[in-house]
């Protein structure tokens, strides 16, 4: 019987509560790709939107192993294929011993009689001499992978492709992947939407050999389906109100929804599958218990230090403090994070909306627009410095739009900054 953590697995894939969004044709598209003569897919979607889970669920249903490789592991084409060959347990070198033989023939007569005859026979005598040489062959990269694929089924999944910084390296890798796809090696590459890249954009002539599969942000009703799937395995029922509250706080991410559901089970005392002979238990939580759910979920998210640095700020122009009705006044960094935390769980915030929220939050004086835009620029720099390469925050100074592209970071900001107790929550209390 699975545990609650296994049912609502917040890792990359949960077999008990995986939801197919059939109306969006996401899973069916990947299934078509794997049946095609050129099995290549460019899977594009927001961070934590279920791109990896899509591939792993399809592979599980077809009983095909997945070779998962992350962008930071790949520094060159050779490294890519060496990682794949490692996963296939291919030897580093192949030793071949070649033997040449020479024979000298002669004829001898003797009185040896074959059994059952009385006739002497003549037999030929051969002297055999053997000589040989040994050679070692190194791995053959893509060609060796293709050879393996002729006898074994597997899917190559490259995740976090955007972590490969050098564009020339990206292009050379995609060109090599094109060769693999043409030789019927299934390849899926995951891209985050805001990077605006696909396999086709990196190598144009790959266009007719692969399919781009968009994985959109999740609707609240789709997130609630995760609860419906998972609760069946635990003999519990989440109340409609609880499902709604969980979905509203999941930042449109199935992975965060899984984490919230597991946390709700923990608060409700559900550790695993209940006796099916018992009456189904209804889970409904008070406001105080729901706050515990958010806190437990936040404990699993490792970007708390990024929020801490944002609250600390880096520029004196944001240090002037303003009264927002809390026990202590807050500077522009605090006010901006509070503005991000208020309202719906959107990932993008226009400067004018942030300014309105900050003005509404302040009791008397408010920060200048230049101070707010400076803070937007600085929190992008803070995120880049704390988590280089991840691009958690983007500030478009031209269109004046702030994007929190990582849903876990946005979840933490919303949880920590939801009211005046942010200092306690920042400490994880």
Protein backbone atom coordinates (compact mmCIF):
# COMPACT_ATOMS: atom_id res chain seq x y z
CA UNK A 1 0.00 0.00 0.00
CA UNK A 2 1.47 3.40 -0.91
CA UNK A 3 2.16 6.11 1.65
CA UNK A 4 0.61 9.56 1.33
CA UNK A 5 4.01 10.90 0.23
CA UNK A 6 4.16 8.28 -2.53
CA UNK A 7 0.62 9.01 -3.71
CA UNK A 8 1.25 12.75 -3.81
CA UNK A 9 4.87 12.57 -4.94
CA UNK A 10 6.18 16.10 -5.47
CA UNK A 11 9.20 14.86 -7.39
CA UNK A 12 9.28 14.78 -11.15
CA UNK A 13 6.62 12.10 -11.53
CA UNK A 14 3.80 10.59 -9.45
CA UNK A 15 2.34 7.39 -10.86
CA UNK A 16 -0.64 7.45 -8.45
CA UNK A 17 -1.86 10.98 -9.07
CA UNK A 18 -0.60 11.80 -12.55
CA UNK A 19 -3.31 13.64 -14.52
CA UNK A 20 -3.58 13.49 -18.29
CA UNK A 21 -4.96 16.73 -19.69
CA UNK A 22 -6.71 15.03 -22.59
CA UNK A 23 -8.50 18.16 -23.75
CA UNK A 24 -5.09 19.72 -24.47
CA UNK A 25 -3.82 16.63 -26.35
CA UNK A 26 -0.47 16.80 -24.59
CA UNK A 27 -0.01 13.08 -23.81
CA UNK A 28 -1.51 11.94 -27.12
CA UNK A 29 0.94 14.13 -29.05
CA UNK A 30 3.93 12.56 -27.34
CA UNK A 31 2.52 9.09 -27.98
CA UNK A 32 2.29 9.96 -31.69
CA UNK A 33 5.89 11.18 -31.67
CA UNK A 34 7.14 7.89 -30.23
CA UNK A 35 5.26 5.95 -32.91
CA UNK A 36 6.70 8.02 -35.76
CA UNK A 37 9.73 7.32 -37.94
CA UNK A 38 11.42 10.44 -36.55
CA UNK A 39 10.72 10.24 -32.80
CA UNK A 40 11.79 13.72 -31.67
CA UNK A 41 9.92 16.16 -29.43
CA UNK A 42 10.58 19.70 -28.25
CA UNK A 43 8.53 20.03 -25.04
CA UNK A 44 7.95 23.66 -24.08
CA UNK A 45 6.31 24.99 -20.94
CA UNK A 46 6.72 27.02 -17.74
CA UNK A 47 9.00 25.82 -14.96
CA UNK A 48 7.45 23.06 -12.80
CA UNK A 49 4.57 22.54 -15.25
CA UNK A 50 5.02 18.77 -15.65
CA UNK A 51 7.24 18.44 -18.74
CA UNK A 52 9.37 15.69 -17.23
CA UNK A 53 6.33 13.93 -15.77
CA UNK A 54 4.77 13.85 -19.23
CA UNK A 55 7.70 11.90 -20.66
CA UNK A 56 8.06 9.58 -17.67
CA UNK A 57 4.37 8.68 -17.56
CA UNK A 58 4.27 7.91 -21.29
CA UNK A 59 7.42 5.82 -20.94
CA UNK A 60 5.97 3.93 -17.95
CA UNK A 61 2.81 3.07 -19.87
CA UNK A 62 4.90 1.74 -22.76
CA UNK A 63 7.40 0.06 -20.40
CA UNK A 64 10.30 1.97 -21.93
CA UNK A 65 13.19 3.16 -19.72
CA UNK A 66 14.09 6.85 -19.72
CA UNK A 67 17.68 8.10 -19.87
CA UNK A 68 17.35 11.50 -18.20
CA UNK A 69 20.14 14.04 -18.66
CA UNK A 70 20.21 17.57 -17.27
CA UNK A 71 21.55 20.51 -19.20
CA UNK A 72 24.32 21.38 -16.69
CA UNK A 73 25.84 17.92 -17.23
CA UNK A 74 26.41 18.54 -20.94
CA UNK A 75 29.45 20.54 -21.99
CA UNK A 76 29.84 19.12 -25.48
CA UNK A 77 28.40 16.62 -27.95
CA UNK A 78 30.92 13.99 -26.80
CA UNK A 79 29.85 14.44 -23.19
CA UNK A 80 26.21 13.99 -24.17
CA UNK A 81 26.75 10.64 -25.87
CA UNK A 82 29.16 9.44 -23.19
CA UNK A 83 26.46 10.04 -20.57
CA UNK A 84 23.97 8.07 -22.65
CA UNK A 85 26.45 5.22 -23.12
CA UNK A 86 27.17 5.23 -19.38
CA UNK A 87 23.45 4.75 -18.74
CA UNK A 88 23.43 1.92 -21.28
CA UNK A 89 26.34 0.27 -19.40
CA UNK A 90 28.54 0.46 -22.48
CA UNK A 91 32.23 -0.30 -21.78
CA UNK A 92 34.76 2.51 -22.03
CA UNK A 93 36.85 0.49 -24.50
CA UNK A 94 36.32 -2.69 -26.50
CA UNK A 95 39.26 -5.11 -26.76
CA UNK A 96 39.50 -7.21 -29.92
CA UNK A 97 41.97 -10.08 -30.37
CA UNK A 98 42.58 -11.23 -33.94
CA UNK A 99 44.24 -14.62 -34.54
CA UNK A 100 45.89 -15.73 -37.80
CA UNK A 101 46.72 -19.43 -38.35
CA UNK A 102 49.10 -21.16 -40.82
CA UNK A 103 49.14 -24.84 -41.60
CA UNK A 104 51.75 -27.21 -43.08
CA UNK A 105 50.42 -30.47 -44.53
CA UNK A 106 52.08 -33.90 -45.04
CA UNK A 107 51.04 -37.54 -45.48
CA UNK A 108 51.82 -40.50 -43.19
CA UNK A 109 50.89 -44.16 -43.46
CA UNK A 110 50.30 -46.43 -40.56
CA UNK A 111 48.72 -49.62 -39.42
CA UNK A 112 45.98 -47.96 -37.49
CA UNK A 113 42.67 -49.52 -38.37
CA UNK A 114 39.48 -47.64 -37.99
CA UNK A 115 37.09 -49.44 -35.71
CA UNK A 116 34.99 -51.97 -37.61
CA UNK A 117 37.35 -52.31 -40.60
CA UNK A 118 40.36 -54.43 -41.37
CA UNK A 119 41.84 -51.95 -43.80
CA UNK A 120 44.96 -49.87 -43.13
CA UNK A 121 44.36 -46.17 -43.82
CA UNK A 122 46.43 -43.18 -44.75
CA UNK A 123 45.99 -39.89 -42.80
CA UNK A 124 47.12 -36.34 -43.38
CA UNK A 125 49.32 -34.64 -40.82
CA UNK A 126 49.00 -30.84 -40.23
CA UNK A 127 51.25 -28.56 -38.19
CA UNK A 128 49.25 -25.53 -37.04
CA UNK A 129 50.97 -22.30 -35.99
CA UNK A 130 48.95 -19.39 -34.49
CA UNK A 131 49.89 -15.73 -34.30
CA UNK A 132 47.68 -12.79 -33.36
CA UNK A 133 47.34 -9.16 -32.33
CA UNK A 134 45.14 -7.18 -29.91
CA UNK A 135 43.46 -3.83 -30.58
CA UNK A 136 41.35 -1.56 -28.37
CA UNK A 137 38.50 0.56 -29.70
CA UNK A 138 37.16 3.62 -27.90
CA UNK A 139 33.48 4.49 -27.73
CA UNK A 140 31.96 5.66 -31.00
CA UNK A 141 29.53 8.27 -29.65
CA UNK A 142 26.27 8.62 -31.56
CA UNK A 143 26.98 5.65 -33.86
CA UNK A 144 27.32 3.35 -30.87
CA UNK A 145 24.11 4.74 -29.33
CA UNK A 146 22.27 4.04 -32.59
CA UNK A 147 23.62 0.47 -32.56
CA UNK A 148 22.26 -0.03 -29.05
CA UNK A 149 18.89 1.45 -30.07
CA UNK A 150 18.48 -1.20 -32.76
CA UNK A 151 18.18 -3.85 -30.05
CA UNK A 152 16.91 -1.94 -27.01
CA UNK A 153 14.07 0.49 -26.38
CA UNK A 154 14.82 3.69 -24.47
CA UNK A 155 13.96 7.39 -24.53
CA UNK A 156 16.57 10.12 -24.14
CA UNK A 157 15.18 13.03 -22.11
CA UNK A 158 17.25 16.20 -21.87
CA UNK A 159 15.89 18.42 -19.11
CA UNK A 160 16.88 21.97 -18.17
CA UNK A 161 18.35 22.51 -21.64
CA UNK A 162 18.50 26.26 -20.99
CA UNK A 163 21.34 25.70 -18.50
CA UNK A 164 23.69 25.14 -21.44
CA UNK A 165 25.00 28.70 -21.76
CA UNK A 166 27.03 28.61 -24.95
CA UNK A 167 24.82 28.94 -28.03
CA UNK A 168 27.37 27.26 -30.31
CA UNK A 169 27.40 24.26 -27.97
CA UNK A 170 23.60 24.17 -28.02
CA UNK A 171 23.50 24.24 -31.81
CA UNK A 172 26.11 21.47 -32.18
CA UNK A 173 24.22 19.31 -29.66
CA UNK A 174 20.91 19.81 -31.48
CA UNK A 175 22.56 18.97 -34.81
CA UNK A 176 23.81 15.72 -33.29
CA UNK A 177 20.36 15.02 -31.81
CA UNK A 178 18.95 15.51 -35.29
CA UNK A 179 21.15 12.64 -36.46
CA UNK A 180 19.93 10.46 -33.60
CA UNK A 181 16.27 11.21 -34.40
CA UNK A 182 16.82 10.43 -38.09
CA UNK A 183 18.20 7.04 -36.97
CA UNK A 184 15.01 6.42 -34.96
CA UNK A 185 16.44 7.11 -31.50
CA UNK A 186 13.61 8.68 -29.41
CA UNK A 187 14.70 12.10 -28.10
CA UNK A 188 12.71 14.58 -25.98
CA UNK A 189 14.15 17.98 -25.04
CA UNK A 190 12.42 20.17 -22.43
CA UNK A 191 12.50 23.96 -22.70
CA UNK A 192 11.11 26.64 -20.38
CA UNK A 193 8.66 28.95 -22.12
CA UNK A 194 10.19 32.28 -21.20
CA UNK A 195 13.51 31.37 -22.84
CA UNK A 196 11.74 31.36 -26.21
CA UNK A 197 13.81 28.48 -27.61
CA UNK A 198 12.87 25.23 -29.31
CA UNK A 199 14.89 22.69 -31.23
CA UNK A 200 13.63 24.21 -34.48
CA UNK A 201 14.83 27.69 -33.55
CA UNK A 202 18.32 26.42 -32.83
CA UNK A 203 18.62 24.30 -35.99
CA UNK A 204 16.12 25.27 -38.70
CA UNK A 205 16.36 22.17 -40.90
CA UNK A 206 15.25 19.94 -38.02
CA UNK A 207 11.75 21.40 -38.38
CA UNK A 208 10.11 18.52 -40.25
CA UNK A 209 11.66 15.85 -38.04
CA UNK A 210 10.26 16.80 -34.64
CA UNK A 211 7.06 17.94 -32.99
CA UNK A 212 6.78 20.87 -30.58
CA UNK A 213 4.50 19.98 -27.67
CA UNK A 214 3.30 22.97 -25.62
CA UNK A 215 2.73 22.26 -21.92
CA UNK A 216 0.60 25.15 -20.68
CA UNK A 217 0.15 26.36 -17.12
CA UNK A 218 -2.42 24.35 -15.20
CA UNK A 219 -5.97 25.54 -14.58
CA UNK A 220 -7.36 25.26 -11.05
CA UNK A 221 -9.83 22.59 -12.17
CA UNK A 222 -6.93 20.54 -13.58
CA UNK A 223 -4.98 20.88 -10.33
CA UNK A 224 -8.03 19.67 -8.40
CA UNK A 225 -7.98 16.51 -10.54
CA UNK A 226 -4.66 15.63 -8.88
CA UNK A 227 -6.55 15.44 -5.58
CA UNK A 228 -9.31 13.34 -7.13
CA UNK A 229 -6.79 10.85 -8.53
CA UNK A 230 -4.69 10.61 -5.39
CA UNK A 231 -7.42 10.39 -2.75
CA UNK A 232 -8.75 7.17 -4.30
CA UNK A 233 -5.56 5.37 -3.23
CA UNK A 234 -5.80 6.58 0.38
CA UNK A 235 -9.52 6.00 1.09
CA UNK A 236 -10.00 9.68 1.92
CA UNK A 237 -11.92 12.56 0.36
CA UNK A 238 -10.69 16.15 0.39
CA UNK A 239 -13.54 18.61 0.90
CA UNK A 240 -14.42 20.81 -2.07
CA UNK A 241 -13.35 23.89 -0.13
CA UNK A 242 -9.95 22.37 0.69
CA UNK A 243 -9.34 21.34 -2.93
CA UNK A 244 -10.15 24.87 -4.03
CA UNK A 245 -7.80 26.45 -1.48
CA UNK A 246 -4.97 24.10 -2.39
CA UNK A 247 -5.37 24.83 -6.11
CA UNK A 248 -5.44 28.58 -5.48
CA UNK A 249 -2.06 28.38 -3.73
CA UNK A 250 -0.31 25.98 -6.13
CA UNK A 251 0.93 28.75 -8.51
CA UNK A 252 -0.49 26.78 -11.49
CA UNK A 253 2.12 24.06 -10.87
CA UNK A 254 1.28 20.35 -10.53
CA UNK A 255 4.47 19.75 -8.55
CA UNK A 256 3.52 22.35 -5.93
CA UNK A 257 -0.02 20.93 -5.87
CA UNK A 258 1.42 17.50 -5.10
CA UNK A 259 3.47 19.00 -2.28
CA UNK A 260 0.45 20.80 -0.84
CA UNK A 261 -1.66 17.63 -0.96
CA UNK A 262 1.04 15.63 0.84
CA UNK A 263 1.28 18.39 3.46
CA UNK A 264 -2.51 18.40 3.91
CA UNK A 265 -2.41 14.65 4.55
CA UNK A 266 0.32 15.18 7.14
CA UNK A 267 -1.70 17.82 8.97
CA UNK A 268 -4.81 15.59 8.82
CA UNK A 269 -2.87 12.62 10.20
CA UNK A 270 -3.09 10.55 6.99
CA UNK A 271 0.20 8.69 6.55
CA UNK A 272 -0.90 5.98 4.13
CA UNK A 273 -3.78 4.00 2.67
CA UNK A 274 -6.58 3.58 5.18
CA UNK A 275 -8.37 0.25 5.62
CA UNK A 276 -10.76 -0.01 2.63
CA UNK A 277 -13.32 -1.58 4.96
CA UNK A 278 -13.42 1.62 6.97
CA UNK A 279 -15.70 4.47 6.04
CA UNK A 280 -14.02 6.99 3.75
CA UNK A 281 -12.58 9.86 5.79
CA UNK A 282 -13.36 13.42 4.75
CA UNK A 283 -10.44 15.85 5.10
CA UNK A 284 -11.35 19.43 5.85
CA UNK A 285 -8.97 21.84 7.56
CA UNK A 286 -9.42 24.99 9.61
CA UNK A 287 -7.64 28.24 8.72
CA UNK A 288 -4.99 27.51 11.33
CA UNK A 289 -4.45 23.98 9.99
CA UNK A 290 -4.27 25.26 6.42
CA UNK A 291 -1.56 27.68 7.49
CA UNK A 292 0.39 24.65 8.73
CA UNK A 293 -0.05 23.04 5.31
CA UNK A 294 1.53 26.07 3.62
CA UNK A 295 4.37 26.13 6.15
CA UNK A 296 5.16 22.43 5.72
CA UNK A 297 5.13 22.79 1.93
CA UNK A 298 7.39 25.86 2.13
CA UNK A 299 9.91 23.88 4.20
CA UNK A 300 10.59 21.72 1.14
CA UNK A 301 11.35 24.65 -1.14
CA UNK A 302 15.00 25.59 -1.25
CA UNK A 303 14.84 29.22 -2.32
CA UNK A 304 14.24 30.78 1.08
CA UNK A 305 17.72 32.32 0.99
CA UNK A 306 16.79 34.16 -2.22
CA UNK A 307 13.79 35.77 -0.49
CA UNK A 308 15.97 36.62 2.50
CA UNK A 309 18.45 38.44 0.25
CA UNK A 310 15.62 40.29 -1.48
CA UNK A 311 14.31 41.48 1.86
CA UNK A 312 17.79 42.68 2.75
CA UNK A 313 18.11 44.70 -0.46
CA UNK A 314 21.29 45.89 -2.12
CA UNK A 315 20.76 49.57 -2.82
CA UNK A 316 20.43 52.52 -0.45
CA UNK A 317 17.70 54.09 -2.59
CA UNK A 318 15.35 51.36 -1.42
CA UNK A 319 16.18 51.70 2.26
CA UNK A 320 13.83 54.57 3.06
CA UNK A 321 11.03 53.21 5.24
CA UNK A 322 7.26 53.68 5.00
CA UNK A 323 4.33 52.96 7.27
CA UNK A 324 2.12 50.19 5.90
CA UNK A 325 0.22 49.50 9.12
CA UNK A 326 2.53 46.83 10.46
CA UNK A 327 4.30 46.75 13.80
CA UNK A 328 7.35 48.20 12.09
CA UNK A 329 7.69 50.31 8.94
CA UNK A 330 9.03 48.67 5.78
CA UNK A 331 11.36 49.82 3.03
CA UNK A 332 10.64 49.61 -0.71
CA UNK A 333 11.97 46.04 -0.91
CA UNK A 334 9.47 44.90 1.73
CA UNK A 335 6.64 46.84 0.08
CA UNK A 336 7.44 45.44 -3.38
CA UNK A 337 7.50 41.85 -2.14
CA UNK A 338 4.23 42.45 -0.32
CA UNK A 339 2.75 43.77 -3.58
CA UNK A 340 3.90 40.60 -5.38
CA UNK A 341 2.37 38.44 -2.64
CA UNK A 342 -1.04 40.11 -2.76
CA UNK A 343 -3.74 39.11 -5.23
CA UNK A 344 -3.91 36.10 -7.55
CA UNK A 345 -1.00 33.75 -8.05
CA UNK A 346 0.15 35.40 -11.26
CA UNK A 347 3.75 35.07 -12.39
CA UNK A 348 3.99 38.46 -14.13
CA UNK A 349 3.38 41.89 -12.64
CA UNK A 350 3.13 45.14 -14.56
CA UNK A 351 4.87 48.06 -12.94
CA UNK A 352 1.66 50.10 -12.79
CA UNK A 353 -0.12 47.30 -10.86
CA UNK A 354 2.76 46.98 -8.42
CA UNK A 355 2.73 50.73 -7.84
CA UNK A 356 -1.03 50.72 -7.19
CA UNK A 357 -0.73 47.89 -4.68
CA UNK A 358 2.13 49.64 -2.89
CA UNK A 359 0.20 52.91 -2.71
CA UNK A 360 -2.82 51.08 -1.33
CA UNK A 361 -0.61 49.34 1.22
CA UNK A 362 1.01 52.52 2.55
CA UNK A 363 -0.69 54.61 5.25
CA UNK A 364 0.76 57.99 4.32
CA UNK A 365 3.86 58.57 2.21
CA UNK A 366 4.64 56.20 -0.67
CA UNK A 367 7.87 55.36 -2.55
CA UNK A 368 8.63 57.14 -5.80
CA UNK A 369 8.20 55.26 -9.05
CA UNK A 370 11.95 55.33 -9.65
CA UNK A 371 12.52 53.63 -6.29
CA UNK A 372 10.08 50.84 -7.17
CA UNK A 373 11.58 50.24 -10.62
CA UNK A 374 15.05 50.20 -9.07
CA UNK A 375 13.94 47.53 -6.61
CA UNK A 376 12.54 45.43 -9.48
CA UNK A 377 15.91 45.64 -11.18
CA UNK A 378 17.78 44.80 -7.98
CA UNK A 379 15.71 41.75 -7.03
CA UNK A 380 16.45 40.34 -10.50
CA UNK A 381 20.17 40.84 -9.79
CA UNK A 382 19.85 39.26 -6.36
CA UNK A 383 18.16 36.16 -7.80
CA UNK A 384 20.80 35.87 -10.53
CA UNK A 385 23.63 36.13 -8.01
CA UNK A 386 22.12 33.65 -5.57
CA UNK A 387 21.06 31.11 -8.21
CA UNK A 388 23.14 31.78 -11.34
CA UNK A 389 21.81 30.32 -14.55
CA UNK A 390 18.33 29.61 -13.20
CA UNK A 391 16.78 32.94 -14.21
CA UNK A 392 14.21 32.96 -11.39
CA UNK A 393 13.27 36.61 -11.93
CA UNK A 394 13.15 38.80 -15.04
CA UNK A 395 12.64 42.55 -15.07
CA UNK A 396 11.75 43.94 -18.49
CA UNK A 397 12.62 47.62 -18.05
CA UNK A 398 11.31 48.48 -21.51
CA UNK A 399 7.81 47.03 -21.09
CA UNK A 400 8.04 47.51 -17.31
CA UNK A 401 6.99 43.97 -16.45
CA UNK A 402 8.39 41.93 -13.57
CA UNK A 403 8.23 38.14 -13.98
CA UNK A 404 8.76 35.58 -11.24
CA UNK A 405 9.41 32.68 -13.58
CA UNK A 406 9.99 30.05 -10.88
CA UNK A 407 6.72 29.01 -9.16
CA UNK A 408 8.49 27.78 -6.01
CA UNK A 409 10.04 31.22 -5.49
CA UNK A 410 6.67 32.89 -6.02
CA UNK A 411 5.07 30.43 -3.57
CA UNK A 412 7.64 31.36 -0.92
CA UNK A 413 7.17 35.11 -1.50
CA UNK A 414 3.38 34.73 -1.20
CA UNK A 415 3.66 32.57 1.91
CA UNK A 416 6.29 34.64 3.70
CA UNK A 417 4.93 38.08 2.82
CA UNK A 418 1.18 37.45 3.18
CA UNK A 419 0.94 39.57 6.35
CA UNK A 420 3.06 41.32 8.96
CA UNK A 421 4.57 38.09 10.31
CA UNK A 422 7.07 37.82 7.46
CA UNK A 423 10.11 37.93 9.76
CA UNK A 424 8.92 34.83 11.64
CA UNK A 425 8.09 33.01 8.42
CA UNK A 426 11.45 34.01 7.00
CA UNK A 427 13.05 32.11 9.84
CA UNK A 428 10.86 29.10 9.05
CA UNK A 429 8.85 29.39 12.26
